[in-house]
Amino acid sequence: MSGSVQALEQAHTQVRAAIIHRRPIAALYRERRRLLCPHLLGWNKHRRLLVLCYQYGGDSESGLNPAGAPDNWRCLAVEHLSQVELLDDSWQTAENHSRPQRCIEEVELDVDDYPAAVSTYSATPP
């Protein structure tokens, strides 16, 4: 198995675990460290594996608004995620989480299928 295939499988496994257990992740994406809450995992129309995340911290090419802001959604290619680690931080999202998304056509996992035991909305950083 090539290193890139193995890295993709490891990132995929970590993102799946984060969604199922509603745990944020820290990861490098295109050389930028990001703090993310993955909400949706699946493929686009070109069969590329993507993850729709709420980014609540770290660095971003397009800039990052305060935690809870509706503009912090990111659709990221899983193949570009590296050094993915599950965090013990609180789960974060924005009030517009249920808005229609266009990046993922075929859903593998949706965080809404794994209800949390307690309220998971946080408008402020932990």
C-alpha atoms as a PDB file:
ATOM      1  CA  MET A   1       0.000   0.000   0.000  1.00  0.00           C
ATOM      2  CA  SER A   2       1.460   3.368  -0.962  1.00  0.00           C
ATOM      3  CA  GLY A   3       2.057   6.057   1.653  1.00  0.00           C
ATOM      4  CA  SER A   4      -0.577   8.337   0.149  1.00  0.00           C
ATOM      5  CA  VAL A   5      -3.224   5.590   0.162  1.00  0.00           C
ATOM      6  CA  GLN A   6      -2.344   4.699   3.746  1.00  0.00           C
ATOM      7  CA  ALA A   7      -2.453   8.392   4.776  1.00  0.00           C
ATOM      8  CA  LEU A   8      -5.868   8.777   3.108  1.00  0.00           C
ATOM      9  CA  GLU A   9      -7.193   5.702   4.917  1.00  0.00           C
ATOM     10  CA  GLN A  10      -5.888   6.965   8.271  1.00  0.00           C
ATOM     11  CA  ALA A  11      -7.459  10.411   7.751  1.00  0.00           C
ATOM     12  CA  HIS A  12     -10.731   8.767   6.649  1.00  0.00           C
ATOM     13  CA  THR A  13     -10.771   6.572   9.772  1.00  0.00           C
ATOM     14  CA  GLN A  14     -10.117   9.542  12.095  1.00  0.00           C
ATOM     15  CA  VAL A  15     -12.804  11.691  10.434  1.00  0.00           C
ATOM     16  CA  ARG A  16     -15.314   8.819  10.712  1.00  0.00           C
ATOM     17  CA  ALA A  17     -14.528   8.450  14.440  1.00  0.00           C
ATOM     18  CA  ALA A  18     -14.891  12.202  14.967  1.00  0.00           C
ATOM     19  CA  ILE A  19     -18.347  12.212  13.354  1.00  0.00           C
ATOM     20  CA  ILE A  20     -19.608   9.121  15.174  1.00  0.00           C
ATOM     21  CA  HIS A  21     -18.394  10.347  18.588  1.00  0.00           C
ATOM     22  CA  ARG A  22     -18.938  14.103  17.963  1.00  0.00           C
ATOM     23  CA  ARG A  23     -15.339  14.930  18.718  1.00  0.00           C
ATOM     24  CA  PRO A  24     -13.440  17.814  17.153  1.00  0.00           C
ATOM     25  CA  ILE A  25     -10.227  17.151  15.299  1.00  0.00           C
ATOM     26  CA  ALA A  26      -6.972  18.995  14.776  1.00  0.00           C
ATOM     27  CA  ALA A  27      -5.406  18.465  11.359  1.00  0.00           C
ATOM     28  CA  LEU A  28      -3.125  19.931   8.786  1.00  0.00           C
ATOM     29  CA  TYR A  29      -4.906  20.884   5.582  1.00  0.00           C
ATOM     30  CA  ARG A  30      -2.679  22.205   2.824  1.00  0.00           C
ATOM     31  CA  GLU A  31       0.030  22.986   5.398  1.00  0.00           C
ATOM     32  CA  ARG A  32      -2.321  24.956   7.688  1.00  0.00           C
ATOM     33  CA  ARG A  33      -3.271  23.678  11.151  1.00  0.00           C
ATOM     34  CA  ARG A  34      -7.033  23.712  11.622  1.00  0.00           C
ATOM     35  CA  LEU A  35      -9.454  22.921  14.425  1.00  0.00           C
ATOM     36  CA  LEU A  36     -12.511  21.280  12.898  1.00  0.00           C
ATOM     37  CA  CYS A  37     -15.808  19.625  13.759  1.00  0.00           C
ATOM     38  CA  PRO A  38     -16.628  17.234  10.895  1.00  0.00           C
ATOM     39  CA  HIS A  39     -20.363  17.087  10.182  1.00  0.00           C
ATOM     40  CA  LEU A  40     -20.724  15.240   6.882  1.00  0.00           C
ATOM     41  CA  LEU A  41     -18.475  12.764   5.068  1.00  0.00           C
ATOM     42  CA  GLY A  42     -18.973  11.502   1.532  1.00  0.00           C
ATOM     43  CA  TRP A  43     -18.219  11.840  -2.145  1.00  0.00           C
ATOM     44  CA  ASN A  44     -18.814  14.582  -4.677  1.00  0.00           C
ATOM     45  CA  LYS A  45     -20.027  13.951  -8.233  1.00  0.00           C
ATOM     46  CA  HIS A  46     -16.423  13.233  -9.288  1.00  0.00           C
ATOM     47  CA  ARG A  47     -16.087  10.502  -6.583  1.00  0.00           C
ATOM     48  CA  ARG A  48     -13.682  12.581  -4.501  1.00  0.00           C
ATOM     49  CA  LEU A  49     -13.917  11.923  -0.741  1.00  0.00           C
ATOM     50  CA  LEU A  50     -14.853  15.172   1.034  1.00  0.00           C
ATOM     51  CA  VAL A  51     -15.718  16.252   4.552  1.00  0.00           C
ATOM     52  CA  LEU A  52     -17.956  19.184   5.443  1.00  0.00           C
ATOM     53  CA  CYS A  53     -16.541  20.697   8.632  1.00  0.00           C
ATOM     54  CA  TYR A  54     -17.201  23.588  10.919  1.00  0.00           C
ATOM     55  CA  GLN A  55     -13.832  25.266  11.490  1.00  0.00           C
ATOM     56  CA  TYR A  56     -13.644  26.900  14.903  1.00  0.00           C
ATOM     57  CA  GLY A  57      -9.934  27.591  15.199  1.00  0.00           C
ATOM     58  CA  GLY A  58      -6.538  27.426  13.635  1.00  0.00           C
ATOM     59  CA  ASP A  59      -5.469  28.922  10.333  1.00  0.00           C
ATOM     60  CA  SER A  60      -7.438  29.418   7.132  1.00  0.00           C
ATOM     61  CA  GLU A  61      -6.520  30.707   3.698  1.00  0.00           C
ATOM     62  CA  SER A  62      -9.818  32.593   3.423  1.00  0.00           C
ATOM     63  CA  GLY A  63      -9.756  33.882   7.012  1.00  0.00           C
ATOM     64  CA  LEU A  64     -11.725  32.724  10.005  1.00  0.00           C
ATOM     65  CA  ASN A  65     -14.659  34.435  11.679  1.00  0.00           C
ATOM     66  CA  PRO A  66     -15.378  34.169  15.432  1.00  0.00           C
ATOM     67  CA  ALA A  67     -16.555  30.771  16.702  1.00  0.00           C
ATOM     68  CA  GLY A  68     -20.245  30.253  15.984  1.00  0.00           C
ATOM     69  CA  ALA A  69     -20.147  32.424  12.848  1.00  0.00           C
ATOM     70  CA  PRO A  70     -22.097  30.962   9.917  1.00  0.00           C
ATOM     71  CA  ASP A  71     -19.211  31.550   7.471  1.00  0.00           C
ATOM     72  CA  ASN A  72     -16.786  29.062   9.036  1.00  0.00           C
ATOM     73  CA  TRP A  73     -18.022  26.020   7.070  1.00  0.00           C
ATOM     74  CA  ARG A  74     -15.341  24.269   5.024  1.00  0.00           C
ATOM     75  CA  CYS A  75     -15.666  21.498   2.459  1.00  0.00           C
ATOM     76  CA  LEU A  76     -12.271  19.771   2.502  1.00  0.00           C
ATOM     77  CA  ALA A  77     -10.775  16.964   0.430  1.00  0.00           C
ATOM     78  CA  VAL A  78      -9.871  14.164   2.825  1.00  0.00           C
ATOM     79  CA  GLU A  79      -6.775  13.388   0.714  1.00  0.00           C
ATOM     80  CA  HIS A  80      -5.279  16.738   1.797  1.00  0.00           C
ATOM     81  CA  LEU A  81      -5.806  16.137   5.544  1.00  0.00           C
ATOM     82  CA  SER A  82      -2.789  14.956   7.524  1.00  0.00           C
ATOM     83  CA  GLN A  83      -1.766  14.608  11.159  1.00  0.00           C
ATOM     84  CA  VAL A  84      -5.448  14.163  12.077  1.00  0.00           C
ATOM     85  CA  GLU A  85      -6.028  13.773  15.807  1.00  0.00           C
ATOM     86  CA  LEU A  86      -9.198  13.511  17.862  1.00  0.00           C
ATOM     87  CA  LEU A  87      -9.539  16.231  20.494  1.00  0.00           C
ATOM     88  CA  ASP A  88     -11.355  16.355  23.824  1.00  0.00           C
ATOM     89  CA  ASP A  89     -12.651  19.887  23.111  1.00  0.00           C
ATOM     90  CA  SER A  90     -16.361  20.685  23.012  1.00  0.00           C
ATOM     91  CA  TRP A  91     -18.257  20.125  19.764  1.00  0.00           C
ATOM     92  CA  GLN A  92     -18.923  23.295  17.799  1.00  0.00           C
ATOM     93  CA  THR A  93     -21.217  24.235  14.964  1.00  0.00           C
ATOM     94  CA  ALA A  94     -23.258  27.177  13.737  1.00  0.00           C
ATOM     95  CA  GLU A  95     -26.979  27.819  13.738  1.00  0.00           C
ATOM     96  CA  ASN A  96     -27.068  27.389   9.944  1.00  0.00           C
ATOM     97  CA  HIS A  97     -25.862  23.767  10.170  1.00  0.00           C
ATOM     98  CA  SER A  98     -29.055  22.503   8.557  1.00  0.00           C
ATOM     99  CA  ARG A  99     -28.734  24.730   5.488  1.00  0.00           C
ATOM    100  CA  PRO A 100     -28.467  22.811   2.202  1.00  0.00           C
ATOM    101  CA  GLN A 101     -24.910  21.940   1.259  1.00  0.00           C
ATOM    102  CA  ARG A 102     -23.676  21.345  -2.266  1.00  0.00           C
ATOM    103  CA  CYS A 103     -20.231  19.814  -1.797  1.00  0.00           C
ATOM    104  CA  ILE A 104     -21.219  16.210  -0.983  1.00  0.00           C
ATOM    105  CA  GLU A 105     -23.499  14.272  -3.288  1.00  0.00           C
ATOM    106  CA  GLU A 106     -23.290  10.777  -1.749  1.00  0.00           C
ATOM    107  CA  VAL A 107     -23.234  10.798   2.061  1.00  0.00           C
ATOM    108  CA  GLU A 108     -21.289   8.151   3.967  1.00  0.00           C
ATOM    109  CA  LEU A 109     -21.780   9.616   7.469  1.00  0.00           C
ATOM    110  CA  ASP A 110     -23.826  12.484   8.875  1.00  0.00           C
ATOM    111  CA  VAL A 111     -23.263  13.719  12.434  1.00  0.00           C
ATOM    112  CA  ASP A 112     -27.040  14.152  12.788  1.00  0.00           C
ATOM    113  CA  ASP A 113     -27.339  10.356  12.671  1.00  0.00           C
ATOM    114  CA  TYR A 114     -25.359  10.189  15.940  1.00  0.00           C
ATOM    115  CA  PRO A 115     -27.222  12.259  18.540  1.00  0.00           C
ATOM    116  CA  ALA A 116     -25.225  13.665  21.402  1.00  0.00           C
ATOM    117  CA  ALA A 117     -26.104  13.008  25.011  1.00  0.00           C
ATOM    118  CA  VAL A 118     -26.011  16.744  25.770  1.00  0.00           C
ATOM    119  CA  SER A 119     -26.460  19.961  23.831  1.00  0.00           C
ATOM    120  CA  THR A 120     -23.653  20.361  21.304  1.00  0.00           C
ATOM    121  CA  TYR A 121     -24.109  23.929  20.117  1.00  0.00           C
ATOM    122  CA  SER A 122     -21.476  26.312  21.356  1.00  0.00           C
ATOM    123  CA  ALA A 123     -21.227  29.867  20.081  1.00  0.00           C
ATOM    124  CA  THR A 124     -18.095  30.587  22.058  1.00  0.00           C
ATOM    125  CA  PRO A 125     -14.734  28.849  22.080  1.00  0.00           C
ATOM    126  CA  PRO A 126     -14.094  26.421  24.950  1.00  0.00           C
END
